[in-house]
Amino acid sequence: MTREEVKAYDAARYLQNRPRKLEQFREWKAKNRGRHRALSMRWQKEHPKESRAIKAAYKKRHPEKTRAGRIRTSTASLASHAAREGARRAKTQKPTPAVLEIYRLSASDVELTCHWCSAITTRAERHVDHVLPLSLGGSHEADNLAIACRRCNLTKGRLHPEVFVERRRVAI
C-alpha cells in the first residue's frame, strides 16, 4: 500500500467509526468528570495558543452559548444581569439619611402595615422593598422604598409594581 492509500483508508475508517468513538468518549467523560477536567486543564496550560484559538472559534460558531452572547440574546439573562447590576449599584451608593431611617424603622419593634396588603407586620416578618425594583431602573432612594411583609416582598420579587398589584387582585 502506498502512503496515499493508507491515508485514504485511515480517513474512511475514521469516518466510519466516528459516531461510535464519540459515544464512547461521552460515556467515559460522564464517568470520569474530575479526571477529564484535570486532563483538559493540563492540556490548556501546555498549549495556550491552541487553547485560545479553539475557544475563539467556539465563541464564533456558538455566540448564544457564550456569556456575552447569552446576555445579548436571552431576555431572562438580560433581566438577571439587570438585577445583579441594580443590586451592585445599591451596595456602592452611600445611603441617604432618609434611607437609613426607613431601615431603622423596619428594624424597630413598632407594628407597621405592609405597603402591599396592609397586614400588620412584626419585626421578624418585615422587609424593606424597592417599589420599582433596581433591575427595572428603580433607585435606592427613600421614595422608592416601602415596608412590606415577607410574603408580599418575596412574591413580588422583581416584578413591576403594577404587574404585582394586578396579579394580587386576580389571586384574591
Protein backbone atom coordinates (compact mmCIF):
# COMPACT_ATOMS: atom_id res chain seq x y z
CA MET A 1 0.00 0.00 0.00
CA THR A 2 1.24 3.45 -0.84
CA ARG A 3 1.23 6.27 1.63
CA GLU A 4 -1.79 7.91 -0.07
CA GLU A 5 -3.75 4.66 0.05
CA VAL A 6 -3.01 4.29 3.77
CA LYS A 7 -4.19 7.88 4.37
CA ALA A 8 -7.38 7.27 2.38
CA TYR A 9 -8.02 4.02 4.28
CA ASP A 10 -7.44 5.70 7.67
CA ALA A 11 -9.72 8.61 6.73
CA ALA A 12 -12.52 6.26 5.61
CA ARG A 13 -12.15 4.15 8.76
CA TYR A 14 -12.19 7.27 10.93
CA LEU A 15 -15.42 8.49 9.34
CA GLN A 16 -16.98 5.05 9.65
CA ASN A 17 -16.15 4.72 13.38
CA ARG A 18 -16.56 8.37 14.39
CA PRO A 19 -20.12 8.14 15.85
CA ARG A 20 -19.21 5.08 17.92
CA LYS A 21 -15.96 6.65 19.17
CA LEU A 22 -17.75 9.88 20.09
CA GLU A 23 -20.33 7.95 22.08
CA GLN A 24 -17.58 6.00 23.88
CA PHE A 25 -15.84 9.27 24.72
CA ARG A 26 -19.08 10.82 26.07
CA GLU A 27 -19.61 7.78 28.31
CA TRP A 28 -16.02 7.89 29.58
CA LYS A 29 -16.29 11.65 30.19
CA ALA A 30 -19.52 11.21 32.18
CA LYS A 31 -17.89 8.55 34.38
CA ASN A 32 -14.59 10.43 34.79
CA ARG A 33 -15.57 14.10 35.10
CA GLY A 34 -12.79 15.04 37.51
CA ARG A 35 -10.10 13.25 35.54
CA HIS A 36 -11.33 14.75 32.25
CA ARG A 37 -11.31 18.25 33.75
CA ALA A 38 -7.78 17.78 35.10
CA LEU A 39 -6.52 16.49 31.75
CA SER A 40 -8.23 19.36 29.91
CA MET A 41 -6.76 21.96 32.26
CA ARG A 42 -3.29 20.45 31.88
CA TRP A 43 -3.58 20.44 28.08
CA GLN A 44 -4.76 24.08 28.10
CA LYS A 45 -1.74 25.13 30.20
CA GLU A 46 0.65 23.23 27.94
CA HIS A 47 -0.94 24.56 24.72
CA PRO A 48 -2.10 28.15 25.42
CA LYS A 49 -2.13 29.32 21.78
CA GLU A 50 -4.12 26.33 20.54
CA SER A 51 -6.49 26.61 23.50
CA ARG A 52 -7.20 30.29 22.78
CA ALA A 53 -7.77 29.53 19.09
CA ILE A 54 -10.22 26.71 19.92
CA LYS A 55 -12.12 28.92 22.38
CA ALA A 56 -12.29 31.80 19.90
CA ALA A 57 -13.58 29.50 17.15
CA TYR A 58 -16.20 28.06 19.51
CA LYS A 59 -17.39 31.53 20.52
CA LYS A 60 -17.67 32.48 16.87
CA ARG A 61 -19.67 29.33 15.99
CA HIS A 62 -21.91 29.46 19.10
CA PRO A 63 -22.44 33.08 20.23
CA GLU A 64 -25.65 32.15 22.08
CA LYS A 65 -23.71 29.78 24.36
CA THR A 66 -21.06 32.27 25.41
CA ARG A 67 -21.59 34.63 28.33
CA ALA A 68 -21.64 37.77 26.19
CA GLY A 69 -23.96 36.13 23.68
CA ARG A 70 -26.38 34.96 26.37
CA ILE A 71 -26.57 38.43 27.87
CA ARG A 72 -27.27 39.92 24.44
CA THR A 73 -29.71 37.30 23.21
CA SER A 74 -31.65 35.98 26.20
CA THR A 75 -34.41 38.04 27.83
CA ALA A 76 -34.03 36.07 31.04
CA SER A 77 -30.30 36.74 31.04
CA LEU A 78 -30.91 40.43 30.46
CA ALA A 79 -33.27 40.56 33.44
CA SER A 80 -30.83 38.61 35.58
CA HIS A 81 -27.96 40.88 34.52
CA ALA A 82 -30.08 43.96 35.29
CA ALA A 83 -30.93 42.58 38.73
CA ARG A 84 -27.26 41.98 39.56
CA GLU A 85 -26.33 45.41 38.24
CA GLY A 86 -29.09 47.06 40.30
CA ALA A 87 -28.00 45.26 43.46
CA ARG A 88 -24.41 46.31 42.80
CA ARG A 89 -25.49 49.93 42.38
CA ALA A 90 -27.45 49.81 45.63
CA LYS A 91 -24.42 48.47 47.52
CA THR A 92 -21.99 51.01 46.09
CA GLN A 93 -24.16 54.08 46.73
CA LYS A 94 -23.88 55.65 50.15
CA PRO A 95 -27.38 55.58 51.71
CA THR A 96 -29.02 58.90 52.47
CA PRO A 97 -30.29 59.70 55.99
CA ALA A 98 -33.87 59.13 54.77
CA VAL A 99 -32.97 55.62 53.52
CA LEU A 100 -31.23 54.82 56.81
CA GLU A 101 -34.32 55.99 58.69
CA ILE A 102 -36.53 53.56 56.74
CA TYR A 103 -34.17 50.68 57.60
CA ARG A 104 -34.11 51.76 61.28
CA LEU A 105 -37.91 51.91 61.30
CA SER A 106 -38.17 48.43 59.76
CA ALA A 107 -35.89 47.05 62.49
CA SER A 108 -37.88 48.66 65.32
CA ASP A 109 -40.47 46.89 67.47
CA VAL A 110 -43.25 49.21 66.26
CA GLU A 111 -46.11 47.46 64.45
CA LEU A 112 -46.20 48.64 60.85
CA THR A 113 -48.51 47.76 57.97
CA CYS A 114 -47.38 46.16 54.73
CA HIS A 115 -47.30 48.56 51.80
CA TRP A 116 -48.93 45.95 49.52
CA CYS A 117 -51.51 44.02 51.57
CA SER A 118 -51.97 46.33 54.60
CA ALA A 119 -51.35 43.47 57.02
CA ILE A 120 -49.78 44.37 60.34
CA THR A 121 -46.18 43.15 60.37
CA THR A 122 -43.91 42.24 63.24
CA ARG A 123 -40.20 42.96 63.15
CA ALA A 124 -39.36 39.35 62.30
CA GLU A 125 -41.55 39.22 59.18
CA ARG A 126 -40.78 42.71 57.86
CA HIS A 127 -38.77 43.52 54.73
CA VAL A 128 -37.71 46.76 53.08
CA ASP A 129 -38.90 46.53 49.47
CA HIS A 130 -37.93 48.53 46.41
CA VAL A 131 -41.31 49.57 44.98
CA LEU A 132 -39.81 49.80 41.49
CA PRO A 133 -37.09 47.11 41.52
CA LEU A 134 -33.50 48.11 40.91
CA SER A 135 -33.44 45.70 37.96
CA LEU A 136 -36.19 47.74 36.28
CA GLY A 137 -34.40 51.03 36.80
CA GLY A 138 -35.66 51.87 40.29
CA SER A 139 -33.45 53.81 42.65
CA HIS A 140 -32.19 53.08 46.14
CA GLU A 141 -33.85 56.25 47.42
CA ALA A 142 -36.35 56.74 50.23
CA ASP A 143 -39.25 57.45 47.86
CA ASN A 144 -38.72 54.05 46.19
CA LEU A 145 -38.56 52.07 49.44
CA ALA A 146 -41.52 50.65 51.33
CA ILE A 147 -42.08 48.38 54.32
CA ALA A 148 -43.55 45.07 53.14
CA CYS A 149 -44.41 41.78 54.79
CA ARG A 150 -42.15 38.87 53.97
CA ARG A 151 -44.80 37.13 51.83
CA CYS A 152 -45.53 40.16 49.64
CA ASN A 153 -41.87 41.07 49.15
CA LEU A 154 -40.81 37.54 48.20
CA THR A 155 -43.84 37.08 45.95
CA LYS A 156 -43.26 40.41 44.22
CA GLY A 157 -39.58 39.73 43.57
CA ARG A 158 -38.53 41.96 40.68
CA LEU A 159 -41.98 42.43 39.19
CA HIS A 160 -43.13 45.88 38.17
CA PRO A 161 -45.46 47.24 40.91
CA GLU A 162 -48.45 47.46 38.54
CA VAL A 163 -47.99 43.84 37.43
CA PHE A 164 -47.69 42.69 41.05
CA VAL A 165 -50.84 44.57 42.14
CA GLU A 166 -52.79 43.15 39.17
CA ARG A 167 -51.66 39.59 39.95
CA ARG A 168 -52.56 40.05 43.61
CA ARG A 169 -56.02 41.31 42.63
CA VAL A 170 -56.59 38.27 40.37
CA ALA A 171 -55.38 35.86 43.08
CA ILE A 172 -57.73 37.27 45.72
